[in-house]
Protein backbone atom coordinates (compact mmCIF):
# COMPACT_ATOMS: atom_id res chain seq x y z
CA MET A 1 114.69 96.13 114.19
CA VAL A 2 113.91 99.12 111.51
CA PHE A 3 115.43 102.31 111.39
CA THR A 4 116.10 105.01 109.21
CA THR A 5 118.66 107.37 108.38
CA ASP A 6 118.81 111.19 106.28
CA HIS A 7 122.22 111.76 104.67
CA GLY A 8 122.95 113.89 101.99
CA GLY A 9 119.79 114.22 100.76
CA GLU A 10 118.77 110.94 100.57
CA HIS A 11 116.31 108.97 102.99
CA THR A 12 117.62 105.06 103.86
CA ILE A 13 115.35 102.39 105.45
CA TRP A 14 116.94 99.86 107.20
CA MET A 15 116.36 96.24 108.87
CA MET A 16 118.41 94.24 110.65
CA THR A 17 118.27 90.81 108.81
CA ARG A 18 120.60 88.69 110.67
CA HIS A 19 121.84 89.38 115.08
CA GLU A 20 124.31 87.03 116.49
CA PRO A 21 125.93 88.40 119.35
CA ALA A 22 128.27 85.84 120.62
CA ALA A 23 130.01 85.89 117.06
CA GLY A 24 129.66 90.06 117.07
CA LEU A 25 127.76 89.86 114.18
CA VAL A 26 124.62 91.70 112.35
CA GLU A 27 123.18 92.08 109.18
CA TYR A 28 121.01 94.60 107.46
CA VAL A 29 119.02 95.10 104.50
CA ARG A 30 118.86 98.75 103.47
CA ALA A 31 116.62 100.23 100.59
CA THR A 32 117.21 103.81 99.54
CA PRO A 33 114.25 104.08 97.25
CA GLY A 34 114.45 105.06 94.13
CA SER A 35 117.97 104.41 94.05
CA ARG A 36 119.83 101.00 95.26
CA ILE A 37 119.54 98.42 97.61
CA ALA A 38 121.97 96.63 99.46
CA THR A 39 123.03 93.96 102.14
CA VAL A 40 125.50 95.12 105.01
CA MET A 41 127.28 92.69 107.42
CA VAL A 42 129.14 94.04 110.17
CA GLN A 43 131.48 91.53 112.31
CA CYS A 44 133.59 92.86 115.14
CA ALA A 45 136.11 90.69 116.66
CA PRO A 46 138.33 91.73 119.40
CA VAL A 47 141.87 92.58 119.17
CA ALA A 48 142.99 93.28 122.33
CA PRO A 49 141.50 94.64 125.80
CA ALA A 50 141.09 98.11 124.57
CA ARG A 51 140.66 97.46 120.31
CA THR A 52 138.17 95.60 118.61
CA ARG A 53 138.79 94.72 114.18
CA VAL A 54 135.65 95.40 112.38
CA THR A 55 134.76 93.75 109.37
CA VAL A 56 132.09 95.58 107.25
CA ILE A 57 130.80 94.09 103.46
CA TYR A 58 128.57 95.92 101.58
CA VAL A 59 126.56 94.23 98.69
CA LEU A 60 124.60 96.83 96.66
CA THR A 61 122.15 96.65 93.44
CA GLY A 62 121.18 99.58 91.71
CA LEU A 63 117.13 100.27 91.36
CA SER A 64 117.74 103.23 88.85
CA GLU A 65 120.30 104.56 86.93
CA ALA A 66 121.27 107.15 89.49
CA GLY A 67 121.73 103.86 91.89
CA ASN A 68 123.99 102.77 88.99
CA GLY A 69 126.24 105.74 89.08
CA TYR A 70 126.01 105.67 92.60
CA ILE A 71 127.64 102.20 92.69
CA ARG A 72 129.99 102.71 89.89
CA ALA A 73 131.49 105.61 91.93
CA MET A 74 131.42 103.54 94.91
CA ASP A 75 135.64 103.18 94.58
CA GLU A 76 137.85 102.56 97.29
CA THR A 77 138.28 105.97 98.26
CA HIS A 78 134.30 106.61 98.47
CA PHE A 79 133.92 103.64 100.53
CA ARG A 80 136.53 104.17 103.19
CA GLU A 81 135.07 108.19 103.03
CA LEU A 82 131.97 106.22 103.97
CA ILE A 83 133.14 103.99 106.79
CA GLY A 84 135.11 106.77 107.99
CA GLY A 85 131.69 108.19 108.62
CA TRP A 86 130.15 105.66 110.44
CA GLU A 87 133.52 105.24 112.59
CA LYS A 88 133.62 109.00 114.00
CA ALA A 89 129.44 108.79 114.42
CA ILE A 90 130.38 106.09 116.76
CA GLU A 91 133.21 107.32 118.01
CA GLY A 92 130.71 110.35 118.81
CA LEU A 93 128.56 107.78 120.59
CA ALA A 94 130.99 106.23 122.97
CA ARG A 95 132.28 109.47 124.33
């Protein structure tokens, strides 16, 4: 599966590289041309009938000084904001 996203003035190409539904696991390679490339692993595990624990791991590599700057700025606060945006988008789909 391949798809694109546009956010914050950036165009990113995503490609699913691993899908293990029984393990609740999916992995992507994503590229923001001229900036950075990353792998993103997402694993979901049930913790209660209506609750799921989601683990997200990013591994980022800069492709330019701008990409390196983006990575340097990705502290815990910025990462939580990034993931929070995913959470809101997913909740919006579930309704």
